[in-house]
Amino acid sequence: MRFEEMKTLTALLQPVEDGWQVMHKKYKTPYGSVRCEKSGSTVKAVLEFGEYEDVRREAAEAVLRALFEEDDVQCVVLDGEPVTRDKWQAMMTEKYAPLHRTREDYADVLGKSVHCVMDRPLGSAHPRYPDMIYPVNYGYVPGLIAGDNAEQDVYVLGPTEPLESFDGVVIAVIHRFDDCEDKWVAAEKTGLYSEEEIRQILRFQEKYYISEILM
């Protein structure tokens, strides 16, 4: 089984040999742990958390998502309760259905000319997670406030060297279901990238979130 690093709204799940260590996302203080044991197509997952019930629920959802990304996993026994792949997919559909957006919701954004200032140029490291190196230029739109009360974040696709600024158009919006902000994707012009290409290019960071891409 693969145990990759994951994030929730409040926690960071760091991989260990048999699961994850769960810590505060900013301060890295421990919340608890997740231990996994696989037998055939079933994984037994035990969450040890003490008093942190809210964080435990976030971690449990992240663990189910990660385990069901393994194609051969059909059932996860989470703290003694079996969850089949079909049941999990139905749970996720019900949870996120009210949060879906359409292209019309972003009619004033998609195709918009945009000026971006880079605070994390291509090749730079994330300020809190130094192992995360940006394979694209990443910046913000000066003066435009997003859902997190900071300036709107933008991924810039196309240029292959670090930039200080960029002028282009918004080709896509990444609408995160489990975050308080959307991410814009900019390029020189529309039609250069497919949805799948965008998802693969930006997986280095977007893999930590559940999202949809509007183009």
N, C-alpha and C. Protein backbone atom coordinates (compact mmCIF):
# COMPACT_ATOMS: atom_id res chain seq x y z
N MET A 1 0.85 -1.19 0.00
CA MET A 1 0.00 0.00 0.00
C MET A 1 0.88 1.24 0.00
N ARG A 2 0.37 2.30 -0.64
CA ARG A 2 1.07 3.57 -0.65
C ARG A 2 0.51 4.46 0.46
N PHE A 3 1.38 5.03 1.23
CA PHE A 3 0.97 5.97 2.27
C PHE A 3 1.60 7.32 1.94
N GLU A 4 0.83 8.18 1.26
CA GLU A 4 1.34 9.48 0.86
C GLU A 4 0.90 10.55 1.85
N GLU A 5 1.63 11.65 1.88
CA GLU A 5 1.27 12.76 2.75
C GLU A 5 -0.09 13.31 2.34
N MET A 6 -0.92 13.64 3.34
CA MET A 6 -2.24 14.21 3.09
C MET A 6 -2.48 15.38 4.04
N LYS A 7 -3.41 16.25 3.65
CA LYS A 7 -3.80 17.37 4.50
C LYS A 7 -5.32 17.42 4.58
N THR A 8 -5.82 17.84 5.75
CA THR A 8 -7.23 18.16 5.91
C THR A 8 -7.29 19.64 6.28
N LEU A 9 -8.46 20.12 6.65
CA LEU A 9 -8.57 21.53 7.01
C LEU A 9 -7.66 21.88 8.17
N THR A 10 -7.49 20.97 9.12
CA THR A 10 -6.71 21.29 10.32
C THR A 10 -5.51 20.39 10.55
N ALA A 11 -5.38 19.30 9.80
CA ALA A 11 -4.36 18.31 10.12
C ALA A 11 -3.46 17.99 8.94
N LEU A 12 -2.27 17.52 9.27
CA LEU A 12 -1.32 16.99 8.31
C LEU A 12 -1.10 15.53 8.64
N LEU A 13 -1.29 14.67 7.64
CA LEU A 13 -1.09 13.23 7.82
C LEU A 13 0.23 12.85 7.16
N GLN A 14 1.21 12.53 7.99
CA GLN A 14 2.53 12.17 7.51
C GLN A 14 2.65 10.65 7.43
N PRO A 15 3.10 10.12 6.29
CA PRO A 15 3.18 8.66 6.15
C PRO A 15 4.24 8.03 7.03
N VAL A 16 3.89 6.88 7.60
CA VAL A 16 4.83 6.03 8.32
C VAL A 16 4.73 4.64 7.70
N GLU A 17 5.46 3.69 8.22
CA GLU A 17 5.55 2.37 7.59
C GLU A 17 4.20 1.69 7.43
N ASP A 18 3.32 1.83 8.42
CA ASP A 18 2.05 1.11 8.38
C ASP A 18 0.84 2.04 8.45
N GLY A 19 0.98 3.28 7.99
CA GLY A 19 -0.15 4.20 8.00
C GLY A 19 0.28 5.65 8.02
N TRP A 20 -0.30 6.42 8.95
CA TRP A 20 -0.01 7.85 9.02
C TRP A 20 0.11 8.31 10.47
N GLN A 21 0.95 9.30 10.69
CA GLN A 21 0.98 10.06 11.93
C GLN A 21 0.21 11.35 11.66
N VAL A 22 -0.73 11.70 12.53
CA VAL A 22 -1.60 12.86 12.30
C VAL A 22 -1.15 13.99 13.23
N MET A 23 -0.86 15.17 12.60
CA MET A 23 -0.33 16.29 13.36
C MET A 23 -1.09 17.57 13.01
N HIS A 24 -0.97 18.57 13.85
CA HIS A 24 -1.50 19.90 13.55
C HIS A 24 -0.81 20.41 12.29
N LYS A 25 -1.61 20.94 11.36
CA LYS A 25 -1.07 21.29 10.05
C LYS A 25 -0.01 22.39 10.13
N LYS A 26 -0.15 23.30 11.06
CA LYS A 26 0.78 24.43 11.15
C LYS A 26 1.88 24.18 12.18
N TYR A 27 1.49 23.73 13.38
CA TYR A 27 2.45 23.65 14.47
C TYR A 27 3.12 22.29 14.60
N LYS A 28 2.63 21.29 13.86
CA LYS A 28 3.20 19.95 13.82
C LYS A 28 3.13 19.22 15.16
N THR A 29 2.24 19.64 16.06
CA THR A 29 2.03 18.91 17.30
C THR A 29 1.15 17.69 17.01
N PRO A 30 1.36 16.56 17.72
CA PRO A 30 0.66 15.32 17.38
C PRO A 30 -0.80 15.31 17.84
N TYR A 31 -1.66 14.78 16.98
CA TYR A 31 -3.06 14.52 17.32
C TYR A 31 -3.28 13.03 17.60
N GLY A 32 -2.70 12.18 16.75
CA GLY A 32 -2.93 10.76 16.87
C GLY A 32 -2.28 10.02 15.71
N SER A 33 -2.75 8.82 15.44
CA SER A 33 -2.16 8.00 14.40
C SER A 33 -3.22 7.14 13.73
N VAL A 34 -2.87 6.62 12.55
CA VAL A 34 -3.71 5.69 11.81
C VAL A 34 -2.84 4.49 11.45
N ARG A 35 -3.26 3.31 11.82
CA ARG A 35 -2.52 2.09 11.51
C ARG A 35 -3.34 1.23 10.56
N CYS A 36 -2.71 0.74 9.50
CA CYS A 36 -3.41 -0.01 8.46
C CYS A 36 -2.80 -1.40 8.27
N GLU A 37 -3.67 -2.37 8.02
CA GLU A 37 -3.23 -3.73 7.73
C GLU A 37 -4.11 -4.28 6.61
N LYS A 38 -3.48 -4.73 5.54
CA LYS A 38 -4.21 -5.19 4.36
C LYS A 38 -4.26 -6.70 4.29
N SER A 39 -5.45 -7.23 3.95
CA SER A 39 -5.62 -8.65 3.73
C SER A 39 -6.51 -8.84 2.51
N GLY A 40 -5.93 -9.29 1.40
CA GLY A 40 -6.69 -9.40 0.16
C GLY A 40 -7.14 -8.04 -0.32
N SER A 41 -8.45 -7.87 -0.53
CA SER A 41 -8.99 -6.60 -1.00
C SER A 41 -9.57 -5.75 0.14
N THR A 42 -9.27 -6.16 1.39
CA THR A 42 -9.79 -5.46 2.56
C THR A 42 -8.64 -4.85 3.36
N VAL A 43 -8.84 -3.63 3.83
CA VAL A 43 -7.86 -2.97 4.69
C VAL A 43 -8.50 -2.70 6.05
N LYS A 44 -7.82 -3.09 7.09
CA LYS A 44 -8.25 -2.76 8.46
C LYS A 44 -7.50 -1.51 8.89
N ALA A 45 -8.22 -0.45 9.25
CA ALA A 45 -7.62 0.82 9.66
C ALA A 45 -8.07 1.15 11.07
N VAL A 46 -7.12 1.42 11.94
CA VAL A 46 -7.41 1.77 13.34
C VAL A 46 -6.90 3.18 13.60
N LEU A 47 -7.81 4.05 14.07
CA LEU A 47 -7.47 5.43 14.37
C LEU A 47 -7.33 5.60 15.88
N GLU A 48 -6.19 6.09 16.31
CA GLU A 48 -5.93 6.31 17.73
C GLU A 48 -5.80 7.82 17.96
N PHE A 49 -6.82 8.43 18.61
CA PHE A 49 -6.88 9.88 18.64
C PHE A 49 -7.14 10.51 20.00
N GLY A 50 -7.53 9.78 20.98
CA GLY A 50 -7.83 10.41 22.25
C GLY A 50 -9.03 11.35 22.14
N GLU A 51 -8.84 12.62 22.53
CA GLU A 51 -9.96 13.55 22.66
C GLU A 51 -10.27 14.35 21.39
N TYR A 52 -9.48 14.23 20.34
CA TYR A 52 -9.61 15.11 19.19
C TYR A 52 -10.62 14.56 18.18
N GLU A 53 -11.88 14.60 18.51
CA GLU A 53 -12.91 13.95 17.69
C GLU A 53 -13.08 14.65 16.34
N ASP A 54 -13.04 15.98 16.30
CA ASP A 54 -13.21 16.69 15.03
C ASP A 54 -12.08 16.35 14.07
N VAL A 55 -10.86 16.34 14.57
CA VAL A 55 -9.72 16.00 13.73
C VAL A 55 -9.79 14.53 13.32
N ARG A 56 -10.26 13.68 14.22
CA ARG A 56 -10.40 12.26 13.90
C ARG A 56 -11.34 12.07 12.71
N ARG A 57 -12.45 12.82 12.69
CA ARG A 57 -13.40 12.69 11.57
C ARG A 57 -12.76 13.15 10.26
N GLU A 58 -12.01 14.24 10.31
CA GLU A 58 -11.31 14.71 9.11
C GLU A 58 -10.31 13.66 8.63
N ALA A 59 -9.55 13.10 9.56
CA ALA A 59 -8.55 12.10 9.20
C ALA A 59 -9.20 10.84 8.65
N ALA A 60 -10.31 10.43 9.24
CA ALA A 60 -11.00 9.22 8.77
C ALA A 60 -11.45 9.38 7.32
N GLU A 61 -11.98 10.55 6.97
CA GLU A 61 -12.41 10.78 5.59
C GLU A 61 -11.21 10.77 4.64
N ALA A 62 -10.11 11.39 5.05
CA ALA A 62 -8.91 11.41 4.21
C ALA A 62 -8.36 10.00 4.02
N VAL A 63 -8.38 9.20 5.07
CA VAL A 63 -7.86 7.83 5.00
C VAL A 63 -8.72 6.98 4.07
N LEU A 64 -10.03 7.09 4.17
CA LEU A 64 -10.90 6.33 3.26
C LEU A 64 -10.62 6.70 1.80
N ARG A 65 -10.50 8.01 1.54
CA ARG A 65 -10.23 8.44 0.17
C ARG A 65 -8.91 7.87 -0.33
N ALA A 66 -7.87 7.95 0.51
CA ALA A 66 -6.56 7.46 0.10
C ALA A 66 -6.57 5.96 -0.15
N LEU A 67 -7.23 5.21 0.72
CA LEU A 67 -7.24 3.75 0.58
C LEU A 67 -8.05 3.31 -0.63
N PHE A 68 -9.17 3.99 -0.90
CA PHE A 68 -9.97 3.61 -2.07
C PHE A 68 -9.36 4.08 -3.38
N GLU A 69 -8.32 4.91 -3.33
CA GLU A 69 -7.57 5.22 -4.54
C GLU A 69 -6.74 4.03 -5.00
N GLU A 70 -6.52 3.08 -4.09
CA GLU A 70 -5.89 1.81 -4.47
C GLU A 70 -6.93 0.96 -5.18
N ASP A 71 -6.67 0.63 -6.44
CA ASP A 71 -7.67 -0.04 -7.27
C ASP A 71 -8.13 -1.38 -6.72
N ASP A 72 -7.24 -2.07 -5.97
CA ASP A 72 -7.59 -3.41 -5.51
C ASP A 72 -8.24 -3.42 -4.13
N VAL A 73 -8.49 -2.25 -3.55
CA VAL A 73 -9.16 -2.18 -2.25
C VAL A 73 -10.66 -2.05 -2.46
N GLN A 74 -11.42 -3.00 -1.93
CA GLN A 74 -12.87 -2.99 -2.09
C GLN A 74 -13.61 -2.72 -0.78
N CYS A 75 -12.91 -2.87 0.35
CA CYS A 75 -13.56 -2.65 1.64
C CYS A 75 -12.52 -2.16 2.64
N VAL A 76 -12.91 -1.17 3.44
CA VAL A 76 -12.06 -0.69 4.53
C VAL A 76 -12.84 -0.88 5.83
N VAL A 77 -12.23 -1.58 6.76
CA VAL A 77 -12.82 -1.75 8.09
C VAL A 77 -12.22 -0.67 8.97
N LEU A 78 -12.99 0.38 9.20
CA LEU A 78 -12.51 1.56 9.91
C LEU A 78 -12.98 1.50 11.36
N ASP A 79 -12.04 1.25 12.27
CA ASP A 79 -12.37 1.09 13.69
C ASP A 79 -13.50 0.08 13.89
N GLY A 80 -13.43 -1.02 13.13
CA GLY A 80 -14.39 -2.10 13.29
C GLY A 80 -15.63 -2.00 12.42
N GLU A 81 -15.84 -0.86 11.74
CA GLU A 81 -17.03 -0.68 10.90
C GLU A 81 -16.64 -0.83 9.43
N PRO A 82 -17.19 -1.83 8.73
CA PRO A 82 -16.84 -2.01 7.31
C PRO A 82 -17.48 -0.96 6.41
N VAL A 83 -16.68 -0.42 5.50
CA VAL A 83 -17.15 0.54 4.50
C VAL A 83 -16.74 0.00 3.14
N THR A 84 -17.70 -0.36 2.31
CA THR A 84 -17.39 -0.85 0.98
C THR A 84 -17.12 0.32 0.04
N ARG A 85 -16.50 0.01 -1.09
CA ARG A 85 -16.22 1.06 -2.07
C ARG A 85 -17.53 1.73 -2.54
N ASP A 86 -18.56 0.94 -2.82
CA ASP A 86 -19.84 1.50 -3.28
C ASP A 86 -20.45 2.41 -2.21
N LYS A 87 -20.38 1.98 -0.95
CA LYS A 87 -20.94 2.80 0.13
C LYS A 87 -20.17 4.11 0.25
N TRP A 88 -18.85 4.05 0.15
CA TRP A 88 -18.02 5.25 0.25
C TRP A 88 -18.32 6.22 -0.89
N GLN A 89 -18.44 5.69 -2.11
CA GLN A 89 -18.74 6.56 -3.25
C GLN A 89 -20.10 7.24 -3.09
N ALA A 90 -21.08 6.51 -2.56
CA ALA A 90 -22.40 7.10 -2.32
C ALA A 90 -22.32 8.18 -1.25
N MET A 91 -21.53 7.96 -0.21
CA MET A 91 -21.35 8.95 0.85
C MET A 91 -20.73 10.23 0.31
N MET A 92 -19.72 10.10 -0.55
CA MET A 92 -19.05 11.27 -1.12
C MET A 92 -19.96 12.03 -2.07
N THR A 93 -20.74 11.29 -2.86
CA THR A 93 -21.67 11.94 -3.78
C THR A 93 -22.69 12.76 -3.01
N GLU A 94 -23.24 12.18 -1.95
CA GLU A 94 -24.24 12.88 -1.15
C GLU A 94 -23.63 14.11 -0.46
N LYS A 95 -22.42 13.97 0.03
CA LYS A 95 -21.80 15.07 0.77
C LYS A 95 -21.48 16.26 -0.13
N TYR A 96 -20.95 15.99 -1.33
CA TYR A 96 -20.44 17.07 -2.16
C TYR A 96 -21.39 17.54 -3.24
N ALA A 97 -22.50 16.82 -3.46
CA ALA A 97 -23.45 17.24 -4.50
C ALA A 97 -23.91 18.69 -4.34
N PRO A 98 -24.24 19.16 -3.12
CA PRO A 98 -24.69 20.56 -3.00
C PRO A 98 -23.60 21.58 -3.27
N LEU A 99 -22.34 21.14 -3.32
CA LEU A 99 -21.23 22.07 -3.47
C LEU A 99 -20.76 22.23 -4.91
N HIS A 100 -21.33 21.44 -5.82
CA HIS A 100 -20.91 21.52 -7.22
C HIS A 100 -21.21 22.90 -7.80
N ARG A 101 -20.35 23.32 -8.73
CA ARG A 101 -20.53 24.58 -9.45
C ARG A 101 -20.61 24.30 -10.95
N THR A 102 -21.00 25.29 -11.72
CA THR A 102 -21.08 25.16 -13.17
C THR A 102 -20.24 26.27 -13.80
N ARG A 103 -20.03 26.17 -15.10
CA ARG A 103 -19.30 27.24 -15.82
C ARG A 103 -19.99 28.58 -15.67
N GLU A 104 -21.33 28.56 -15.59
CA GLU A 104 -22.07 29.81 -15.46
C GLU A 104 -21.73 30.52 -14.14
N ASP A 105 -21.39 29.76 -13.11
CA ASP A 105 -21.01 30.37 -11.84
C ASP A 105 -19.72 31.17 -11.95
N TYR A 106 -18.92 30.86 -12.97
CA TYR A 106 -17.64 31.55 -13.15
C TYR A 106 -17.60 32.28 -14.49
N ALA A 107 -18.75 32.69 -14.98
CA ALA A 107 -18.81 33.35 -16.29
C ALA A 107 -18.01 34.65 -16.32
N ASP A 108 -17.90 35.31 -15.16
CA ASP A 108 -17.13 36.56 -15.11
C ASP A 108 -15.65 36.33 -14.86
N VAL A 109 -15.24 35.05 -14.72
CA VAL A 109 -13.84 34.73 -14.44
C VAL A 109 -13.19 34.01 -15.61
N LEU A 110 -13.84 32.97 -16.13
CA LEU A 110 -13.27 32.18 -17.21
C LEU A 110 -13.08 33.05 -18.46
N GLY A 111 -11.88 33.03 -19.00
CA GLY A 111 -11.55 33.86 -20.16
C GLY A 111 -11.14 35.28 -19.81
N LYS A 112 -11.16 35.60 -18.52
CA LYS A 112 -10.82 36.95 -18.05
C LYS A 112 -9.32 37.21 -18.21
N SER A 113 -8.96 38.40 -18.70
CA SER A 113 -7.55 38.81 -18.72
C SER A 113 -7.10 39.05 -17.29
N VAL A 114 -5.89 38.59 -16.96
CA VAL A 114 -5.46 38.65 -15.57
C VAL A 114 -3.97 38.99 -15.49
N HIS A 115 -3.63 39.80 -14.51
CA HIS A 115 -2.23 40.13 -14.21
C HIS A 115 -1.87 39.44 -12.90
N CYS A 116 -0.81 38.65 -12.91
CA CYS A 116 -0.41 37.86 -11.75
C CYS A 116 0.98 38.28 -11.28
N VAL A 117 1.15 38.32 -9.98
CA VAL A 117 2.46 38.54 -9.37
C VAL A 117 2.88 37.24 -8.69
N MET A 118 4.11 36.80 -8.95
CA MET A 118 4.55 35.51 -8.44
C MET A 118 5.19 35.65 -7.06
N ASP A 119 4.63 34.97 -6.07
CA ASP A 119 5.30 34.88 -4.78
C ASP A 119 5.92 33.50 -4.56
N ARG A 120 5.58 32.54 -5.43
CA ARG A 120 6.20 31.22 -5.40
C ARG A 120 6.53 30.83 -6.85
N PRO A 121 7.61 31.39 -7.38
CA PRO A 121 7.96 31.09 -8.77
C PRO A 121 8.37 29.64 -8.97
N LEU A 122 8.33 29.22 -10.21
CA LEU A 122 8.72 27.86 -10.58
C LEU A 122 10.07 27.51 -9.95
N GLY A 123 10.15 26.33 -9.31
CA GLY A 123 11.38 25.88 -8.68
C GLY A 123 11.53 26.27 -7.23
N SER A 124 10.63 27.10 -6.71
CA SER A 124 10.72 27.52 -5.31
C SER A 124 10.03 26.49 -4.42
N ALA A 125 10.28 26.58 -3.12
CA ALA A 125 9.72 25.66 -2.16
C ALA A 125 8.55 26.30 -1.41
N HIS A 126 7.60 25.47 -1.02
CA HIS A 126 6.49 25.95 -0.19
C HIS A 126 7.05 26.49 1.12
N PRO A 127 6.54 27.65 1.59
CA PRO A 127 7.13 28.25 2.81
C PRO A 127 7.00 27.41 4.06
N ARG A 128 5.97 26.55 4.15
CA ARG A 128 5.80 25.71 5.35
C ARG A 128 6.18 24.25 5.11
N TYR A 129 6.18 23.83 3.82
CA TYR A 129 6.49 22.44 3.49
C TYR A 129 7.65 22.43 2.49
N PRO A 130 8.89 22.53 2.96
CA PRO A 130 10.03 22.72 2.07
C PRO A 130 10.26 21.58 1.08
N ASP A 131 9.65 20.42 1.32
CA ASP A 131 9.79 19.32 0.37
C ASP A 131 8.90 19.51 -0.86
N MET A 132 7.94 20.44 -0.79
CA MET A 132 7.07 20.70 -1.93
C MET A 132 7.70 21.77 -2.81
N ILE A 133 8.18 21.37 -3.98
CA ILE A 133 8.79 22.29 -4.93
C ILE A 133 7.81 22.58 -6.06
N TYR A 134 7.62 23.84 -6.37
CA TYR A 134 6.61 24.23 -7.37
C TYR A 134 7.13 23.97 -8.79
N PRO A 135 6.43 23.09 -9.54
CA PRO A 135 6.82 22.82 -10.92
C PRO A 135 6.25 23.83 -11.90
N VAL A 136 5.43 24.75 -11.40
CA VAL A 136 4.86 25.84 -12.21
C VAL A 136 5.01 27.13 -11.42
N ASN A 137 4.84 28.24 -12.09
CA ASN A 137 4.79 29.52 -11.40
C ASN A 137 3.45 29.67 -10.68
N TYR A 138 3.49 30.19 -9.46
CA TYR A 138 2.30 30.30 -8.63
C TYR A 138 2.32 31.68 -7.97
N GLY A 139 1.20 32.38 -8.12
CA GLY A 139 1.16 33.73 -7.57
C GLY A 139 -0.24 34.16 -7.21
N TYR A 140 -0.50 35.45 -7.34
CA TYR A 140 -1.79 36.01 -6.92
C TYR A 140 -2.15 37.20 -7.80
N VAL A 141 -3.43 37.56 -7.72
CA VAL A 141 -3.93 38.72 -8.45
C VAL A 141 -3.97 39.89 -7.47
N PRO A 142 -3.12 40.89 -7.64
CA PRO A 142 -3.07 42.00 -6.68
C PRO A 142 -4.42 42.70 -6.52
N GLY A 143 -4.84 42.86 -5.27
CA GLY A 143 -6.05 43.61 -4.97
C GLY A 143 -7.35 42.85 -5.05
N LEU A 144 -7.32 41.60 -5.52
CA LEU A 144 -8.54 40.80 -5.63
C LEU A 144 -8.57 39.79 -4.48
N ILE A 145 -9.53 39.95 -3.56
CA ILE A 145 -9.59 39.14 -2.35
C ILE A 145 -10.43 37.88 -2.59
N ALA A 146 -9.88 36.74 -2.17
CA ALA A 146 -10.54 35.44 -2.35
C ALA A 146 -11.23 35.03 -1.06
N GLY A 147 -11.71 33.78 -1.03
CA GLY A 147 -12.50 33.28 0.10
C GLY A 147 -11.73 33.13 1.39
N ASP A 148 -10.39 33.10 1.32
CA ASP A 148 -9.58 32.98 2.54
C ASP A 148 -9.14 34.34 3.06
N ASN A 149 -9.73 35.41 2.50
CA ASN A 149 -9.40 36.80 2.88
C ASN A 149 -7.98 37.20 2.51
N ALA A 150 -7.39 36.48 1.58
CA ALA A 150 -6.10 36.85 1.00
C ALA A 150 -6.30 37.05 -0.50
N GLU A 151 -5.30 37.58 -1.17
CA GLU A 151 -5.44 37.84 -2.60
C GLU A 151 -5.56 36.53 -3.39
N GLN A 152 -6.33 36.59 -4.49
CA GLN A 152 -6.67 35.40 -5.26
C GLN A 152 -5.44 34.70 -5.79
N ASP A 153 -5.32 33.39 -5.49
CA ASP A 153 -4.19 32.59 -5.95
C ASP A 153 -4.38 32.14 -7.40
N VAL A 154 -3.26 32.05 -8.12
CA VAL A 154 -3.28 31.66 -9.53
C VAL A 154 -2.10 30.75 -9.84
N TYR A 155 -2.40 29.63 -10.49
CA TYR A 155 -1.37 28.81 -11.11
C TYR A 155 -1.15 29.34 -12.53
N VAL A 156 0.11 29.42 -12.95
CA VAL A 156 0.42 29.87 -14.31
C VAL A 156 1.03 28.70 -15.08
N LEU A 157 0.37 28.29 -16.15
CA LEU A 157 0.86 27.18 -16.98
C LEU A 157 1.51 27.72 -18.24
N GLY A 158 2.54 27.04 -18.68
CA GLY A 158 3.19 27.42 -19.94
C GLY A 158 4.64 27.80 -19.78
N PRO A 159 4.94 28.91 -19.10
CA PRO A 159 6.35 29.32 -18.97
C PRO A 159 7.19 28.26 -18.26
N THR A 160 8.41 28.08 -18.72
CA THR A 160 9.28 27.03 -18.19
C THR A 160 10.44 27.59 -17.37
N GLU A 161 10.36 28.86 -17.00
CA GLU A 161 11.36 29.46 -16.14
C GLU A 161 10.67 30.34 -15.11
N PRO A 162 11.33 30.63 -13.99
CA PRO A 162 10.70 31.43 -12.95
C PRO A 162 10.33 32.83 -13.45
N LEU A 163 9.17 33.29 -13.01
CA LEU A 163 8.68 34.61 -13.41
C LEU A 163 8.49 35.50 -12.20
N GLU A 164 8.53 36.80 -12.42
CA GLU A 164 8.15 37.77 -11.40
C GLU A 164 6.69 38.17 -11.55
N SER A 165 6.22 38.18 -12.80
CA SER A 165 4.82 38.51 -13.07
C SER A 165 4.41 37.86 -14.38
N PHE A 166 3.10 37.86 -14.63
CA PHE A 166 2.58 37.21 -15.84
C PHE A 166 1.25 37.85 -16.21
N ASP A 167 1.06 38.06 -17.51
CA ASP A 167 -0.22 38.54 -18.03
C ASP A 167 -0.78 37.50 -18.98
N GLY A 168 -2.00 37.04 -18.70
CA GLY A 168 -2.62 36.03 -19.55
C GLY A 168 -4.12 36.02 -19.34
N VAL A 169 -4.73 34.84 -19.49
CA VAL A 169 -6.17 34.71 -19.31
C VAL A 169 -6.44 33.53 -18.37
N VAL A 170 -7.56 33.58 -17.68
CA VAL A 170 -7.97 32.48 -16.81
C VAL A 170 -8.57 31.38 -17.68
N ILE A 171 -7.92 30.21 -17.70
CA ILE A 171 -8.40 29.11 -18.54
C ILE A 171 -9.22 28.10 -17.73
N ALA A 172 -9.12 28.15 -16.41
CA ALA A 172 -9.86 27.20 -15.58
C ALA A 172 -9.94 27.72 -14.15
N VAL A 173 -10.94 27.23 -13.43
CA VAL A 173 -11.06 27.47 -12.00
C VAL A 173 -11.11 26.11 -11.31
N ILE A 174 -10.27 25.94 -10.30
CA ILE A 174 -10.31 24.74 -9.48
C ILE A 174 -11.17 25.05 -8.26
N HIS A 175 -12.34 24.43 -8.22
CA HIS A 175 -13.27 24.64 -7.11
C HIS A 175 -13.07 23.51 -6.11
N ARG A 176 -12.49 23.85 -4.96
CA ARG A 176 -12.24 22.87 -3.91
C ARG A 176 -13.47 22.69 -3.04
N PHE A 177 -13.88 21.44 -2.85
CA PHE A 177 -15.01 21.15 -1.98
C PHE A 177 -14.65 21.26 -0.51
N ASP A 178 -13.37 21.02 -0.19
CA ASP A 178 -12.95 20.94 1.21
C ASP A 178 -11.98 22.06 1.58
N ASP A 179 -12.19 23.22 0.99
CA ASP A 179 -11.37 24.38 1.32
C ASP A 179 -12.23 25.63 1.19
N CYS A 180 -11.72 26.75 1.68
CA CYS A 180 -12.52 27.98 1.68
C CYS A 180 -12.24 28.86 0.48
N GLU A 181 -11.41 28.41 -0.47
CA GLU A 181 -11.07 29.25 -1.61
C GLU A 181 -10.98 28.41 -2.89
N ASP A 182 -11.18 29.08 -4.01
CA ASP A 182 -10.93 28.50 -5.33
C ASP A 182 -9.54 28.90 -5.79
N LYS A 183 -8.99 28.13 -6.72
CA LYS A 183 -7.72 28.47 -7.34
C LYS A 183 -7.97 28.75 -8.83
N TRP A 184 -7.38 29.80 -9.36
CA TRP A 184 -7.47 30.09 -10.78
C TRP A 184 -6.27 29.48 -11.49
N VAL A 185 -6.47 29.14 -12.76
CA VAL A 185 -5.39 28.64 -13.61
C VAL A 185 -5.29 29.57 -14.82
N ALA A 186 -4.11 30.13 -15.05
CA ALA A 186 -3.92 31.08 -16.14
C ALA A 186 -2.90 30.54 -17.15
N ALA A 187 -3.06 30.97 -18.39
CA ALA A 187 -2.13 30.63 -19.46
C ALA A 187 -2.17 31.76 -20.49
N GLU A 188 -1.41 31.61 -21.56
CA GLU A 188 -1.37 32.66 -22.57
C GLU A 188 -2.70 32.80 -23.29
N LYS A 189 -3.40 31.68 -23.51
CA LYS A 189 -4.70 31.71 -24.14
C LYS A 189 -5.45 30.44 -23.80
N THR A 190 -6.74 30.42 -24.02
CA THR A 190 -7.55 29.24 -23.73
C THR A 190 -7.31 28.16 -24.77
N GLY A 191 -7.71 26.93 -24.44
CA GLY A 191 -7.63 25.83 -25.39
C GLY A 191 -6.30 25.13 -25.44
N LEU A 192 -5.34 25.52 -24.59
CA LEU A 192 -4.01 24.92 -24.63
C LEU A 192 -3.91 23.63 -23.82
N TYR A 193 -4.82 23.46 -22.84
CA TYR A 193 -4.74 22.32 -21.93
C TYR A 193 -6.11 21.70 -21.74
N SER A 194 -6.11 20.37 -21.59
CA SER A 194 -7.35 19.66 -21.25
C SER A 194 -7.51 19.64 -19.74
N GLU A 195 -8.70 19.28 -19.29
CA GLU A 195 -8.94 19.17 -17.85
C GLU A 195 -8.00 18.16 -17.22
N GLU A 196 -7.80 17.01 -17.85
CA GLU A 196 -6.93 15.99 -17.30
C GLU A 196 -5.48 16.47 -17.25
N GLU A 197 -5.04 17.19 -18.25
CA GLU A 197 -3.67 17.72 -18.23
C GLU A 197 -3.49 18.70 -17.08
N ILE A 198 -4.47 19.56 -16.86
CA ILE A 198 -4.39 20.51 -15.75
C ILE A 198 -4.33 19.76 -14.42
N ARG A 199 -5.16 18.76 -14.27
CA ARG A 199 -5.18 18.01 -13.01
C ARG A 199 -3.84 17.32 -12.76
N GLN A 200 -3.24 16.76 -13.79
CA GLN A 200 -1.96 16.07 -13.62
C GLN A 200 -0.82 17.05 -13.33
N ILE A 201 -0.80 18.18 -14.02
CA ILE A 201 0.26 19.17 -13.80
C ILE A 201 0.21 19.72 -12.38
N LEU A 202 -0.99 19.93 -11.86
CA LEU A 202 -1.15 20.57 -10.55
C LEU A 202 -1.37 19.57 -9.42
N ARG A 203 -1.19 18.30 -9.71
CA ARG A 203 -1.41 17.28 -8.69
C ARG A 203 -0.47 17.45 -7.50
N PHE A 204 0.70 18.02 -7.72
CA PHE A 204 1.68 18.17 -6.63
C PHE A 204 1.07 18.87 -5.41
N GLN A 205 0.07 19.75 -5.63
CA GLN A 205 -0.57 20.42 -4.52
C GLN A 205 -2.06 20.07 -4.42
N GLU A 206 -2.72 19.94 -5.55
CA GLU A 206 -4.17 19.70 -5.53
C GLU A 206 -4.54 18.29 -5.08
N LYS A 207 -3.56 17.37 -5.03
CA LYS A 207 -3.85 16.02 -4.55
C LYS A 207 -4.31 16.01 -3.10
N TYR A 208 -4.06 17.10 -2.39
CA TYR A 208 -4.46 17.18 -0.98
C TYR A 208 -5.91 17.60 -0.81
N TYR A 209 -6.61 17.90 -1.90
CA TYR A 209 -7.98 18.42 -1.82
C TYR A 209 -8.90 17.65 -2.75
N ILE A 210 -10.18 17.70 -2.44
CA ILE A 210 -11.22 17.17 -3.32
C ILE A 210 -11.77 18.34 -4.12
N SER A 211 -11.77 18.23 -5.43
CA SER A 211 -12.11 19.40 -6.23
C SER A 211 -12.73 19.01 -7.56
N GLU A 212 -13.24 20.03 -8.25
CA GLU A 212 -13.66 19.89 -9.65
C GLU A 212 -13.05 21.05 -10.42
N ILE A 213 -12.83 20.83 -11.72
CA ILE A 213 -12.22 21.84 -12.56
C ILE A 213 -13.25 22.35 -13.55
N LEU A 214 -13.48 23.66 -13.55
CA LEU A 214 -14.40 24.30 -14.49
C LEU A 214 -13.59 25.03 -15.54
N MET A 215 -13.91 24.77 -16.81
CA MET A 215 -13.14 25.35 -17.92
C MET A 215 -14.08 26.05 -18.90
